[in-house]
Protein backbone atom coordinates (compact mmCIF):
# COMPACT_ATOMS: atom_id res chain seq x y z
CA MET A 1 205.07 74.10 -53.95
CA ARG A 2 208.10 74.49 -56.29
CA LEU A 3 209.97 77.68 -55.87
CA ASP A 4 209.71 78.64 -59.54
CA LYS A 5 206.01 78.02 -59.54
CA PHE A 6 205.50 80.03 -56.46
CA ILE A 7 207.55 83.11 -57.97
CA ALA A 8 205.60 82.84 -61.18
CA GLN A 9 202.15 82.89 -59.33
CA THR A 10 203.20 85.88 -57.15
CA THR A 11 204.87 88.10 -59.90
CA ASP A 12 204.39 88.86 -63.66
CA LEU A 13 207.46 86.70 -64.50
CA SER A 14 207.09 83.71 -66.77
CA ARG A 15 208.74 80.39 -65.85
CA THR A 16 211.79 81.25 -68.10
CA LEU A 17 212.28 84.53 -66.60
CA VAL A 18 212.00 83.01 -63.07
CA LYS A 19 214.79 80.60 -63.92
CA ILE A 20 216.92 83.48 -65.28
CA ALA A 21 216.35 85.42 -61.89
CA LEU A 22 217.36 82.27 -60.07
CA ARG A 23 220.59 81.85 -62.04
CA ASN A 24 221.48 85.51 -61.48
CA ARG A 25 221.15 84.99 -57.79
CA ARG A 26 218.25 87.40 -57.42
CA VAL A 27 216.15 85.17 -55.33
CA MET A 28 216.74 84.45 -51.63
CA VAL A 29 214.89 81.93 -49.51
CA ASN A 30 214.86 82.54 -45.69
CA GLY A 31 217.88 85.00 -46.27
CA ALA A 32 220.02 82.67 -48.41
CA PRO A 33 220.36 82.95 -52.17
CA VAL A 34 218.80 80.00 -54.06
CA LYS A 35 219.38 78.78 -57.61
CA ASP A 36 217.36 75.49 -57.49
CA ALA A 37 214.12 76.18 -59.18
CA SER A 38 212.70 72.87 -58.00
CA LEU A 39 213.27 73.70 -54.36
CA HIS A 40 209.98 72.85 -52.26
CA ILE A 41 208.91 75.72 -50.26
CA THR A 42 206.19 75.98 -47.49
CA PRO A 43 204.05 78.84 -46.13
CA ALA A 44 206.66 79.22 -43.34
CA ASP A 45 209.46 80.22 -45.85
CA THR A 46 210.19 83.82 -46.71
CA VAL A 47 210.97 84.23 -50.41
CA GLN A 48 212.50 87.49 -51.77
CA LEU A 49 213.12 88.70 -55.26
CA ASP A 50 215.40 91.54 -55.80
CA GLY A 51 215.04 92.24 -51.93
CA ALA A 52 211.26 92.43 -52.00
CA THR A 53 209.35 89.80 -50.03
CA LEU A 54 206.81 87.81 -52.20
CA LYS A 55 203.51 86.81 -50.73
CA GLN A 56 201.06 84.10 -52.07
CA ILE A 57 198.08 85.89 -53.92
CA GLY A 58 194.96 84.63 -52.31
CA PRO A 59 191.59 84.44 -54.21
CA ARG A 60 190.85 87.76 -55.73
CA TYR A 61 187.43 89.22 -56.65
CA PHE A 62 186.85 92.55 -58.53
CA MET A 63 184.08 94.54 -60.08
CA LEU A 64 184.79 96.51 -63.17
CA HIS A 65 182.93 99.19 -65.06
CA LYS A 66 183.45 98.02 -68.75
CA PRO A 67 183.66 100.77 -71.35
CA LEU A 68 182.85 100.18 -75.00
CA GLY A 69 185.41 98.66 -77.25
CA TYR A 70 186.86 96.08 -74.79
CA VAL A 71 186.18 92.32 -75.20
CA SER A 72 185.42 90.15 -72.21
CA ALA A 73 188.38 87.74 -72.77
CA THR A 74 191.77 87.06 -71.20
CA VAL A 75 193.55 87.42 -74.55
CA ASP A 76 192.44 88.82 -77.88
CA SER A 77 194.52 89.57 -81.01
CA GLU A 78 192.34 92.28 -82.47
CA HIS A 79 190.86 94.20 -79.53
CA PRO A 80 191.66 95.28 -76.02
CA THR A 81 190.40 93.18 -73.14
CA VAL A 82 188.99 93.94 -69.78
CA LEU A 83 192.02 92.47 -68.22
CA ASP A 84 194.07 95.25 -69.97
CA LEU A 85 192.32 97.63 -67.52
CA LEU A 86 193.55 95.95 -64.22
CA ASP A 87 196.83 96.94 -62.67
CA GLU A 88 197.28 93.63 -60.80
CA PRO A 89 200.11 91.12 -60.63
CA ASN A 90 199.63 87.70 -62.18
CA LYS A 91 196.70 88.92 -64.30
CA GLN A 92 196.83 85.63 -66.44
CA ALA A 93 195.35 83.82 -63.54
CA LEU A 94 192.13 85.91 -63.70
CA HIS A 95 189.02 85.26 -65.62
CA ILE A 96 185.66 86.96 -66.33
CA ALA A 97 182.51 85.70 -64.40
CA GLY A 98 179.81 86.71 -66.87
CA ARG A 99 180.95 88.21 -70.08
CA LEU A 100 179.58 91.41 -71.94
CA ASP A 101 179.79 92.05 -75.73
CA ILE A 102 182.22 94.59 -76.97
CA ASP A 103 179.52 97.08 -77.62
CA THR A 104 177.92 96.66 -73.99
CA THR A 105 179.00 98.65 -70.95
CA GLY A 106 178.59 98.05 -67.29
CA LEU A 107 179.25 95.61 -64.55
CA VAL A 108 181.92 92.88 -65.16
CA LEU A 109 183.06 90.45 -62.30
CA ILE A 110 186.68 89.20 -62.53
CA THR A 111 188.12 86.61 -60.21
CA ASP A 112 190.73 83.85 -60.06
CA ASP A 113 188.30 81.64 -58.04
CA GLY A 114 186.87 79.12 -60.38
CA GLN A 115 184.34 77.58 -58.05
CA TRP A 116 182.97 81.22 -57.14
CA SER A 117 182.65 82.06 -60.74
CA HIS A 118 180.86 78.80 -61.61
CA ARG A 119 178.17 79.83 -58.92
CA VAL A 120 177.80 83.10 -60.81
CA THR A 121 177.33 81.63 -64.30
CA SER A 122 175.91 78.12 -63.82
CA PRO A 123 172.44 78.00 -65.56
CA ARG A 124 171.24 75.91 -62.49
CA ARG A 125 171.63 78.96 -60.37
CA GLU A 126 169.37 81.16 -62.42
CA CYS A 127 171.38 84.08 -61.35
CA GLN A 128 169.47 87.33 -62.13
CA LYS A 129 171.18 90.04 -64.12
CA THR A 130 169.68 93.54 -64.66
CA TYR A 131 170.28 95.69 -67.71
CA CYS A 132 169.56 99.35 -68.76
CA VAL A 133 168.37 99.04 -72.33
CA THR A 134 167.82 101.81 -74.92
CA LEU A 135 165.83 100.92 -77.91
CA ALA A 136 165.53 102.15 -81.39
CA GLY A 137 161.83 102.71 -81.09
CA GLU A 138 158.95 102.71 -78.59
CA LEU A 139 158.22 99.57 -76.87
CA CYS A 140 155.10 97.55 -77.74
CA SER A 141 152.37 97.92 -75.03
CA ASP A 142 152.21 94.24 -74.08
CA ALA A 143 155.99 93.75 -73.70
CA GLU A 144 155.63 92.99 -69.90
CA GLU A 145 153.17 90.21 -70.47
CA ARG A 146 155.13 88.64 -73.23
CA LEU A 147 158.39 88.72 -71.26
CA GLN A 148 156.72 87.12 -68.36
CA ALA A 149 155.18 84.29 -70.46
CA GLY A 150 158.54 83.73 -72.35
CA LEU A 151 159.63 84.50 -75.87
CA LEU A 152 160.60 82.11 -78.54
CA LEU A 153 163.89 83.38 -79.97
CA LYS A 154 165.06 82.90 -83.49
CA SER A 155 166.68 79.43 -84.12
CA GLU A 156 165.61 78.27 -80.56
CA GLN A 157 163.07 75.66 -79.42
CA HIS A 158 162.34 76.70 -75.89
CA LEU A 159 160.95 79.70 -74.51
CA THR A 160 162.97 82.12 -72.54
CA LYS A 161 162.43 82.16 -68.71
CA PRO A 162 160.13 84.91 -67.37
CA ALA A 163 161.84 88.32 -67.29
CA THR A 164 160.76 91.54 -65.48
CA LEU A 165 160.76 94.98 -67.25
CA GLU A 166 160.57 98.38 -65.85
CA ARG A 167 159.72 101.27 -68.25
CA LEU A 168 162.05 104.33 -67.83
CA SER A 169 160.79 106.27 -70.88
CA ALA A 170 159.18 105.56 -74.22
CA ASN A 171 162.30 103.82 -75.53
CA GLN A 172 164.35 103.09 -72.41
CA VAL A 173 163.76 100.08 -70.06
CA ARG A 174 165.30 98.17 -67.19
CA LEU A 175 165.19 94.43 -67.89
CA THR A 176 165.97 91.54 -65.45
CA ILE A 177 166.66 88.00 -66.75
CA SER A 178 167.84 84.87 -65.02
CA GLU A 179 169.46 83.01 -67.78
CA GLY A 180 172.34 83.54 -70.25
CA ARG A 181 171.64 82.57 -73.82
CA TYR A 182 173.90 83.93 -76.62
CA HIS A 183 173.15 87.67 -77.04
CA GLN A 184 169.83 87.19 -75.22
CA VAL A 185 168.86 90.57 -74.39
CA LYS A 186 169.28 91.88 -78.03
CA ARG A 187 167.45 88.79 -79.42
CA MET A 188 164.58 89.21 -76.92
CA PHE A 189 163.88 92.86 -78.05
CA ALA A 190 164.22 91.65 -81.70
CA ALA A 191 161.40 89.22 -80.77
CA LEU A 192 159.53 92.25 -79.66
CA ASP A 193 159.90 93.91 -83.12
CA ASN A 194 162.50 96.35 -81.81
CA ARG A 195 166.28 96.97 -81.68
CA VAL A 196 168.78 97.69 -78.76
CA THR A 197 170.88 100.60 -79.58
CA GLU A 198 172.51 100.71 -76.10
CA LEU A 199 173.10 98.22 -73.43
CA HIS A 200 174.41 98.65 -69.77
CA ARG A 201 174.50 95.95 -67.03
CA GLU A 202 173.71 97.24 -63.73
CA ARG A 203 173.52 94.12 -61.53
CA ILE A 204 174.56 90.56 -61.20
CA GLY A 205 172.79 88.80 -58.35
CA ALA A 206 172.96 91.01 -55.28
CA ILE A 207 176.23 92.80 -56.63
CA THR A 208 175.29 96.19 -58.07
CA LEU A 209 177.75 98.29 -60.05
CA ASP A 210 179.36 100.93 -57.85
CA LYS A 211 178.18 104.34 -59.10
CA THR A 212 181.54 106.01 -58.02
CA LEU A 213 183.40 103.81 -60.75
CA ALA A 214 184.02 105.76 -63.87
CA LEU A 215 184.18 103.66 -67.20
CA GLY A 216 187.35 101.55 -67.20
CA GLU A 217 187.72 101.81 -63.40
CA TYR A 218 187.61 98.77 -60.97
CA ARG A 219 187.73 97.88 -57.31
CA PRO A 220 187.80 94.77 -55.07
CA LEU A 221 184.54 93.26 -54.04
CA THR A 222 183.63 93.74 -50.44
CA ALA A 223 183.38 90.67 -48.04
CA ALA A 224 179.51 90.98 -48.39
CA GLU A 225 179.45 91.29 -52.08
CA ILE A 226 181.74 88.03 -52.27
CA ASN A 227 179.65 86.16 -49.85
CA SER A 228 176.31 87.07 -51.62
CA ILE A 229 177.12 84.43 -54.23
CA GLU A 230 175.95 81.50 -52.29
CA TRP A 231 176.31 77.73 -52.89
CA GLN A 232 172.57 77.30 -52.76
CA ARG A 233 170.34 78.31 -55.80
CA SER A 234 167.91 81.28 -55.08
CA SER A 235 165.87 83.66 -56.99
CA VAL A 236 168.56 86.23 -57.22
CA CYS A 237 171.65 84.13 -57.07
CA GLY A 238 172.50 84.62 -53.42
CA ALA A 239 170.18 87.46 -52.08
CA SER A 240 168.19 86.57 -48.96
CA PRO A 241 167.31 88.35 -45.87
CA ALA A 242 169.99 86.55 -44.03
CA TRP A 243 172.86 87.40 -46.35
CA VAL A 244 174.00 90.61 -48.17
CA SER A 245 174.28 88.48 -50.30
CA ARG A 246 177.56 84.64 -68.14
CA SER A 247 177.64 86.70 -72.24
CA ASP A 248 173.91 87.34 -72.47
CA ALA A 249 174.15 90.80 -73.56
């Protein structure tokens, strides 16, 4: 790997700033100052910037408790993004695995592992997502049956896949779906002649939002949580007895 690329990947410096640092003799490789940005380095080499040893950042996996007012994007000109809540180097390499709308709270998965995030968001995987939904009015009595049979959403030609519903109160429910159509949860309840007033995602596959995380806080995923997103399709996107184990809001 080129030296300038390595430094850019392991710090928050742009390629331009990396070249300036090299010219100013702030970079050392194996104890010797280096100015050549194209120098090829290997894992056996020790690279230092301003005396601090740089280490290659491996695949990273985080869960974040998304607050209201943040968009699920890497960059946005009008609103703060969920990446703004992370204190991590080289944040530009991270992306969101399963977006939430600006007015939705709850579990967001963030990673720089493209294959892993594809397994989370691929429609073929039918990865289950669970939401706590607060409604404007009391839910109709036949909602469970209609959700299991599938709903025909406005401007669509195909029924939604079967969804499960747990009633928490007259106007609050827990909904589990296995697909990720545009604004799906809100449109499903509109099809049931109701309106979503609050929406909170609790779970993606076998990964449940850590209850100790306050709004805006995040933590790395555990090895079990990372490994729960398997290659093979299953009913809950990775959950099976042998394993601990996109925006649809």
